[in-house]
């Protein structure tokens, strides 16, 4: 109920928020309904809230939805249009702007557009929800730290399991089982990239066999609805001098980014601090992505730590710092930690060092 009140306080008298099932919905209600081809919208203005939901899911909504939210259901035969039109008529009297969920299916958004476009300006809900979700409360901080603690354990399990002759998919399964063992809700993603595959920032793990050389591990899970994220590198056998040198540059860049991350600092200056290190060593063209992204209910959410983002970073913001150097067809190194901004600077969530994890060949 507190989150709903917070949202309502942010809405002006002439604004309505329309949320589809997804992370913004979950942020407000601490629950998100089943999502399928049937339309579900959570409509909020400064004084009231109503849920438009298909009859097949109405009982579930009554069980999980917070008190004070009116539930309006429609049958498959009726379809959602008349019910949604009725709810908008009662809630949108004089409203000029509808903030529509970024998570809405196109066809569901089209129903809303057909009803409302002639009388209301439509805007993305993320412009309203993004700044709110960026600043984590105490419970969110607890959940994010718990998620990362599990992620650390899964990374250690992966390090212990790496052996010559196993495939990327087999190592992926080790990490997946570790998530189950240590109490994660589910995996968020698991990237295992061996050898030349490590030069592909978002490699889709496959049956590539792990032999001597690098193994990049970028992994994350969910715990109590909140995500974790980290990247480390292992090396089967003795790391060659070039790999060791590249790793040292990326680690220096990571340290520079974390050191620059402070409350009130503009996001792009954090990116620039890390990027300068890589540029100075002559590898700027091989750092092909932003420095980081926010994290919370979503793996990727505001703030984006990148050139052109002039946002002043707030206290209690969580985001990744993940510089990388990728040499096509050869190897890549990315090192990633999630940090929390405090008045004392950036606090790294992971307890694992950024060192190369060397596996005896």
Protein backbone atom coordinates (compact mmCIF):
# COMPACT_ATOMS: atom_id res chain seq x y z
CA UNK A 1 0.00 0.00 0.00
CA UNK A 2 2.92 2.34 0.68
CA UNK A 3 4.17 2.03 -2.89
CA UNK A 4 0.71 2.76 -4.28
CA UNK A 5 0.51 5.89 -2.14
CA UNK A 6 3.98 6.90 -3.34
CA UNK A 7 2.91 6.53 -6.97
CA UNK A 8 -0.31 8.45 -6.36
CA UNK A 9 1.66 11.25 -4.74
CA UNK A 10 3.80 11.52 -7.89
CA UNK A 11 0.81 11.71 -10.22
CA UNK A 12 -0.55 15.13 -11.01
CA UNK A 13 -4.29 15.66 -11.02
CA UNK A 14 -4.43 15.29 -14.77
CA UNK A 15 -2.41 12.07 -15.03
CA UNK A 16 -3.16 8.33 -14.92
CA UNK A 17 -0.71 5.44 -14.74
CA UNK A 18 -1.66 2.29 -16.70
CA UNK A 19 0.43 -0.77 -15.80
CA UNK A 20 0.50 -4.15 -17.54
CA UNK A 21 1.83 -7.30 -15.83
CA UNK A 22 5.57 -6.91 -15.36
CA UNK A 23 8.15 -5.32 -13.11
CA UNK A 24 6.49 -1.91 -12.71
CA UNK A 25 3.26 -3.68 -11.73
CA UNK A 26 5.20 -5.83 -9.25
CA UNK A 27 6.96 -2.77 -7.84
CA UNK A 28 3.65 -1.13 -6.96
CA UNK A 29 1.66 -4.20 -5.89
CA UNK A 30 4.40 -6.65 -4.76
CA UNK A 31 2.66 -9.09 -7.08
CA UNK A 32 2.15 -9.40 -10.82
CA UNK A 33 -0.67 -11.40 -12.42
CA UNK A 34 -0.45 -14.10 -15.03
CA UNK A 35 0.26 -12.56 -18.42
CA UNK A 36 -1.14 -14.01 -21.63
CA UNK A 37 -3.08 -12.84 -24.67
CA UNK A 38 -5.87 -11.53 -22.43
CA UNK A 39 -5.51 -7.87 -21.47
CA UNK A 40 -4.77 -6.95 -17.85
CA UNK A 41 -4.32 -3.30 -16.84
CA UNK A 42 -3.78 -1.70 -13.41
CA UNK A 43 -5.01 1.90 -13.60
CA UNK A 44 -3.95 4.44 -10.97
CA UNK A 45 -4.74 8.12 -10.54
CA UNK A 46 -4.08 10.42 -7.61
CA UNK A 47 -7.06 9.17 -5.62
CA UNK A 48 -8.06 5.67 -6.76
CA UNK A 49 -6.85 2.45 -8.34
CA UNK A 50 -8.68 -0.17 -10.41
CA UNK A 51 -7.60 -3.46 -11.95
CA UNK A 52 -9.09 -4.57 -15.27
CA UNK A 53 -8.62 -8.33 -15.45
CA UNK A 54 -10.08 -11.30 -17.37
CA UNK A 55 -12.60 -13.33 -15.39
CA UNK A 56 -10.42 -16.43 -15.62
CA UNK A 57 -7.80 -14.62 -13.49
CA UNK A 58 -10.12 -12.57 -11.29
CA UNK A 59 -10.08 -14.88 -8.26
CA UNK A 60 -6.29 -14.92 -8.26
CA UNK A 61 -6.34 -11.13 -8.39
CA UNK A 62 -8.73 -10.90 -5.44
CA UNK A 63 -6.44 -13.17 -3.45
CA UNK A 64 -3.20 -11.29 -4.16
CA UNK A 65 -4.11 -7.70 -4.94
CA UNK A 66 -3.77 -5.13 -2.17
CA UNK A 67 -6.90 -3.90 -0.45
CA UNK A 68 -8.52 -0.76 -1.75
CA UNK A 69 -8.09 -1.64 -5.43
CA UNK A 70 -11.38 -2.17 -7.26
CA UNK A 71 -11.31 -5.25 -9.50
CA UNK A 72 -13.22 -5.03 -12.77
CA UNK A 73 -13.45 -8.27 -14.72
CA UNK A 74 -14.52 -9.18 -18.23
CA UNK A 75 -15.34 -12.52 -19.84
CA UNK A 76 -13.66 -13.98 -22.89
CA UNK A 77 -16.91 -13.51 -24.77
CA UNK A 78 -17.20 -9.83 -23.82
CA UNK A 79 -13.58 -8.87 -24.36
CA UNK A 80 -11.87 -6.02 -22.51
CA UNK A 81 -12.88 -2.96 -24.51
CA UNK A 82 -16.17 -2.05 -22.82
CA UNK A 83 -14.80 -2.66 -19.31
CA UNK A 84 -11.65 -0.65 -19.98
CA UNK A 85 -13.70 2.16 -21.50
CA UNK A 86 -15.92 2.23 -18.41
CA UNK A 87 -12.97 2.32 -16.00
CA UNK A 88 -11.26 5.08 -17.96
CA UNK A 89 -14.45 7.11 -17.96
CA UNK A 90 -14.61 6.98 -14.16
CA UNK A 91 -10.90 7.61 -13.58
CA UNK A 92 -9.83 9.87 -16.43
CA UNK A 93 -12.27 12.72 -16.03
CA UNK A 94 -10.14 15.70 -17.00
CA UNK A 95 -6.97 13.64 -17.24
CA UNK A 96 -4.61 14.76 -19.97
CA UNK A 97 -1.80 12.19 -19.79
CA UNK A 98 -1.86 8.42 -19.61
CA UNK A 99 1.46 6.85 -18.63
CA UNK A 100 1.31 3.44 -20.30
CA UNK A 101 3.41 0.50 -19.17
CA UNK A 102 6.52 -0.25 -21.19
CA UNK A 103 5.67 -3.92 -20.54
CA UNK A 104 2.32 -3.74 -22.35
CA UNK A 105 1.82 -6.02 -25.34
CA UNK A 106 1.36 -4.12 -28.57
CA UNK A 107 -2.16 -5.47 -29.13
CA UNK A 108 -3.20 -4.53 -25.58
CA UNK A 109 -1.74 -1.07 -26.03
CA UNK A 110 -3.71 -0.78 -29.25
CA UNK A 111 -6.98 -1.37 -27.37
CA UNK A 112 -6.07 1.44 -24.97
CA UNK A 113 -4.95 3.68 -27.82
CA UNK A 114 -8.22 3.18 -29.71
CA UNK A 115 -10.18 4.23 -26.61
CA UNK A 116 -8.00 7.04 -25.31
CA UNK A 117 -5.87 8.57 -28.07
CA UNK A 118 -8.44 11.17 -29.12
CA UNK A 119 -8.70 12.60 -25.61
CA UNK A 120 -5.38 11.91 -23.87
CA UNK A 121 -1.67 12.21 -24.44
CA UNK A 122 0.07 8.84 -24.12
CA UNK A 123 3.54 8.56 -22.55
CA UNK A 124 5.77 5.72 -21.40
CA UNK A 125 5.37 4.71 -17.77
CA UNK A 126 9.14 4.40 -17.39
CA UNK A 127 9.46 8.18 -17.38
CA UNK A 128 7.50 8.16 -14.13
CA UNK A 129 8.50 4.80 -12.66
CA UNK A 130 12.20 4.82 -13.54
CA UNK A 131 13.27 7.51 -11.05
CA UNK A 132 11.18 5.90 -8.30
CA UNK A 133 12.59 2.42 -8.84
CA UNK A 134 16.14 3.74 -9.04
CA UNK A 135 16.25 4.59 -5.32
CA UNK A 136 16.01 1.37 -3.32
CA UNK A 137 14.37 1.11 0.09
CA UNK A 138 15.69 -1.00 2.98
CA UNK A 139 13.81 -4.15 1.97
CA UNK A 140 14.97 -3.88 -1.63
CA UNK A 141 18.55 -3.48 -0.45
CA UNK A 142 18.23 -6.60 1.69
CA UNK A 143 16.89 -8.59 -1.26
CA UNK A 144 19.57 -7.35 -3.66
CA UNK A 145 22.33 -8.27 -1.23
CA UNK A 146 20.78 -11.71 -0.65
CA UNK A 147 20.59 -12.29 -4.40
CA UNK A 148 24.24 -11.36 -4.86
CA UNK A 149 25.32 -13.61 -1.98
CA UNK A 150 23.75 -16.56 -3.82
CA UNK A 151 25.40 -15.41 -7.04
CA UNK A 152 28.81 -15.43 -5.35
CA UNK A 153 28.25 -19.02 -4.25
CA UNK A 154 27.21 -20.04 -7.75
CA UNK A 155 30.32 -18.44 -9.23
CA UNK A 156 32.50 -20.32 -6.75
CA UNK A 157 30.71 -23.55 -7.70
CA UNK A 158 31.48 -22.86 -11.35
CA UNK A 159 35.14 -22.18 -10.61
CA UNK A 160 35.38 -25.48 -8.76
CA UNK A 161 33.73 -27.42 -11.59
CA UNK A 162 35.70 -26.17 -14.60
CA UNK A 163 37.66 -28.97 -16.24
CA UNK A 164 39.21 -29.72 -19.59
CA UNK A 165 36.75 -31.40 -21.95
CA UNK A 166 33.48 -30.17 -20.48
CA UNK A 167 31.19 -28.03 -22.61
CA UNK A 168 29.84 -24.55 -21.97
CA UNK A 169 26.37 -26.03 -21.51
CA UNK A 170 27.63 -28.52 -18.92
CA UNK A 171 29.19 -25.70 -16.91
CA UNK A 172 25.98 -23.74 -17.31
CA UNK A 173 24.12 -26.65 -15.70
CA UNK A 174 26.53 -26.58 -12.74
CA UNK A 175 25.62 -22.94 -12.13
CA UNK A 176 21.92 -23.66 -12.54
CA UNK A 177 22.07 -26.44 -9.93
CA UNK A 178 23.97 -24.13 -7.57
CA UNK A 179 21.17 -21.58 -7.82
CA UNK A 180 18.68 -24.27 -6.84
CA UNK A 181 20.87 -25.50 -3.99
CA UNK A 182 21.47 -22.06 -2.51
CA UNK A 183 17.86 -20.88 -2.64
CA UNK A 184 17.51 -18.64 -5.67
CA UNK A 185 14.01 -18.13 -7.05
CA UNK A 186 15.36 -18.82 -10.53
CA UNK A 187 18.22 -17.95 -12.82
CA UNK A 188 18.21 -14.58 -14.55
CA UNK A 189 20.80 -15.52 -17.17
CA UNK A 190 23.94 -17.64 -17.44
CA UNK A 191 26.62 -16.80 -20.00
CA UNK A 192 29.50 -19.27 -20.26
CA UNK A 193 31.91 -18.22 -23.02
CA UNK A 194 35.03 -20.28 -23.62
CA UNK A 195 38.03 -19.40 -25.76
CA UNK A 196 37.22 -17.13 -28.70
CA UNK A 197 33.57 -17.04 -27.60
CA UNK A 198 34.65 -14.78 -24.73
CA UNK A 199 35.14 -12.01 -27.32
CA UNK A 200 31.35 -12.02 -27.89
CA UNK A 201 29.84 -9.87 -25.09
CA UNK A 202 26.49 -11.71 -25.10
CA UNK A 203 27.52 -15.13 -26.38
CA UNK A 204 24.76 -17.75 -26.29
CA UNK A 205 26.38 -20.69 -24.53
CA UNK A 206 26.55 -23.82 -26.66
CA UNK A 207 28.34 -27.16 -26.92
CA UNK A 208 31.76 -25.56 -27.35
CA UNK A 209 34.30 -27.72 -25.50
CA UNK A 210 36.42 -26.02 -22.86
CA UNK A 211 40.13 -26.56 -23.36
CA UNK A 212 43.13 -24.50 -22.32
CA UNK A 213 42.41 -20.79 -22.37
CA UNK A 214 39.88 -18.30 -20.97
CA UNK A 215 36.35 -18.94 -19.75
CA UNK A 216 34.21 -15.85 -19.22
CA UNK A 217 31.30 -16.26 -16.78
CA UNK A 218 28.53 -13.64 -16.66
CA UNK A 219 25.78 -14.89 -14.36
CA UNK A 220 22.78 -13.70 -12.38
CA UNK A 221 19.80 -14.99 -10.44
CA UNK A 222 16.66 -13.74 -8.72
CA UNK A 223 16.03 -13.93 -4.98
CA UNK A 224 12.74 -12.67 -3.53
CA UNK A 225 12.12 -11.06 -6.91
CA UNK A 226 15.38 -9.12 -7.10
CA UNK A 227 18.25 -9.70 -9.51
CA UNK A 228 22.00 -10.11 -9.23
CA UNK A 229 24.72 -9.81 -11.85
CA UNK A 230 28.47 -10.36 -12.00
CA UNK A 231 31.19 -11.29 -14.47
CA UNK A 232 34.50 -13.01 -13.77
CA UNK A 233 37.08 -14.82 -15.88
CA UNK A 234 38.75 -18.17 -15.35
CA UNK A 235 41.68 -19.59 -17.26
CA UNK A 236 42.37 -23.25 -17.83
CA UNK A 237 46.13 -23.64 -17.70
CA UNK A 238 48.72 -20.91 -17.31
CA UNK A 239 47.43 -17.53 -18.57
CA UNK A 240 49.53 -16.18 -21.39
CA UNK A 241 51.18 -12.76 -20.95
CA UNK A 242 48.84 -10.92 -23.34
CA UNK A 243 45.72 -12.21 -21.58
CA UNK A 244 47.20 -11.27 -18.20
CA UNK A 245 47.99 -7.77 -19.45
CA UNK A 246 44.49 -7.24 -20.89
CA UNK A 247 42.95 -8.49 -17.66
CA UNK A 248 45.05 -6.02 -15.67
CA UNK A 249 43.84 -3.13 -17.84
CA UNK A 250 40.19 -4.13 -17.44
CA UNK A 251 40.61 -4.51 -13.68
CA UNK A 252 42.21 -1.05 -13.51
CA UNK A 253 39.24 0.35 -15.45
CA UNK A 254 36.79 -1.35 -13.09
CA UNK A 255 38.54 0.14 -10.08
CA UNK A 256 38.49 3.59 -11.71
CA UNK A 257 34.76 3.36 -12.41
CA UNK A 258 33.92 2.27 -8.87
CA UNK A 259 36.12 5.01 -7.40
CA UNK A 260 34.37 7.69 -9.48
CA UNK A 261 30.87 6.51 -8.57
CA UNK A 262 29.59 8.85 -5.88
CA UNK A 263 26.25 10.36 -4.91
CA UNK A 264 25.50 13.33 -7.15
CA UNK A 265 28.06 12.43 -9.81
CA UNK A 266 26.71 12.51 -13.36
CA UNK A 267 26.35 8.99 -14.78
CA UNK A 268 28.43 9.61 -17.89
CA UNK A 269 31.45 10.68 -15.81
CA UNK A 270 31.56 7.21 -14.22
CA UNK A 271 31.61 5.67 -17.68
CA UNK A 272 34.32 8.13 -18.74
CA UNK A 273 36.55 7.30 -15.76
CA UNK A 274 36.71 3.63 -16.72
CA UNK A 275 36.86 4.29 -20.45
CA UNK A 276 39.86 6.62 -20.09
CA UNK A 277 41.90 3.77 -18.64
CA UNK A 278 41.17 1.49 -21.59
CA UNK A 279 41.68 4.31 -24.09
CA UNK A 280 45.06 5.15 -22.54
CA UNK A 281 46.27 1.62 -23.18
CA UNK A 282 45.17 1.74 -26.82
CA UNK A 283 42.17 -0.60 -26.59
CA UNK A 284 39.34 1.94 -26.70
CA UNK A 285 37.89 0.54 -29.93
CA UNK A 286 37.53 -2.85 -28.26
CA UNK A 287 35.37 -1.56 -25.39
CA UNK A 288 32.11 -1.76 -27.31
CA UNK A 289 29.36 -1.13 -24.74
CA UNK A 290 28.30 1.18 -21.93
CA UNK A 291 29.96 0.80 -18.56
CA UNK A 292 26.88 -0.34 -16.69
CA UNK A 293 23.16 -0.56 -16.04
CA UNK A 294 20.84 -0.30 -13.07
CA UNK A 295 19.53 -3.45 -11.43
CA UNK A 296 16.61 -4.33 -9.19
CA UNK A 297 13.40 -6.12 -10.12
CA UNK A 298 14.83 -6.09 -13.65
CA UNK A 299 18.34 -7.14 -14.59
CA UNK A 300 18.58 -3.99 -16.73
CA UNK A 301 16.83 -0.85 -15.48
CA UNK A 302 17.81 2.80 -14.84
CA UNK A 303 20.32 4.27 -14.39
CA UNK A 304 22.32 3.63 -17.54
CA UNK A 305 26.00 4.35 -16.94
CA UNK A 306 26.97 5.65 -20.35
CA UNK A 307 28.10 8.63 -22.35
CA UNK A 308 25.23 11.06 -22.85
CA UNK A 309 23.43 10.25 -19.61
CA UNK A 310 23.54 13.45 -17.57
CA UNK A 311 21.59 12.05 -14.63
CA UNK A 312 23.04 12.89 -11.22
CA UNK A 313 23.27 9.51 -9.50
CA UNK A 314 21.18 9.30 -6.32
CA UNK A 315 21.99 7.66 -3.01
CA UNK A 316 20.74 4.05 -2.83
CA UNK A 317 21.04 3.56 -6.59
CA UNK A 318 22.32 0.12 -7.62
CA UNK A 319 24.15 -0.38 -10.89
CA UNK A 320 26.82 -2.48 -12.56
CA UNK A 321 30.37 -1.44 -13.38
CA UNK A 322 31.50 -3.76 -16.18
CA UNK A 323 34.32 -2.63 -18.45
CA UNK A 324 35.52 -5.04 -21.11
CA UNK A 325 38.02 -5.51 -23.90
CA UNK A 326 37.03 -7.87 -26.72
CA UNK A 327 39.54 -8.98 -29.36
CA UNK A 328 37.44 -10.55 -32.17
CA UNK A 329 38.23 -14.16 -32.92
CA UNK A 330 40.69 -14.37 -30.03
CA UNK A 331 39.41 -13.66 -26.51
CA UNK A 332 37.63 -11.11 -24.35
CA UNK A 333 37.84 -9.96 -20.75
CA UNK A 334 34.93 -8.38 -18.88
CA UNK A 335 34.86 -7.80 -15.13
CA UNK A 336 31.61 -6.81 -13.49
CA UNK A 337 30.42 -5.89 -10.04
CA UNK A 338 27.14 -4.38 -8.87
CA UNK A 339 27.57 -1.41 -6.55
CA UNK A 340 25.29 0.48 -4.19
CA UNK A 341 25.76 4.22 -3.88
CA UNK A 342 26.09 5.47 -0.31
CA UNK A 343 27.15 8.80 1.15
CA UNK A 344 30.59 7.20 1.58
CA UNK A 345 30.86 6.18 -2.09
CA UNK A 346 30.17 3.00 -4.04
CA UNK A 347 29.83 -0.21 -2.04
CA UNK A 348 30.57 -3.39 -4.01
CA UNK A 349 28.08 -6.17 -3.30
CA UNK A 350 30.21 -9.15 -4.29
CA UNK A 351 32.85 -10.54 -1.96
CA UNK A 352 34.75 -12.25 -4.80
CA UNK A 353 37.94 -10.61 -6.11
CA UNK A 354 38.40 -9.66 -9.75
CA UNK A 355 41.48 -11.87 -10.12
CA UNK A 356 41.85 -14.45 -12.88
CA UNK A 357 40.71 -17.78 -11.48
CA UNK A 358 43.42 -20.14 -12.69
CA UNK A 359 42.42 -23.78 -13.19
CA UNK A 360 45.23 -26.31 -13.45
CA UNK A 361 45.38 -27.77 -16.94
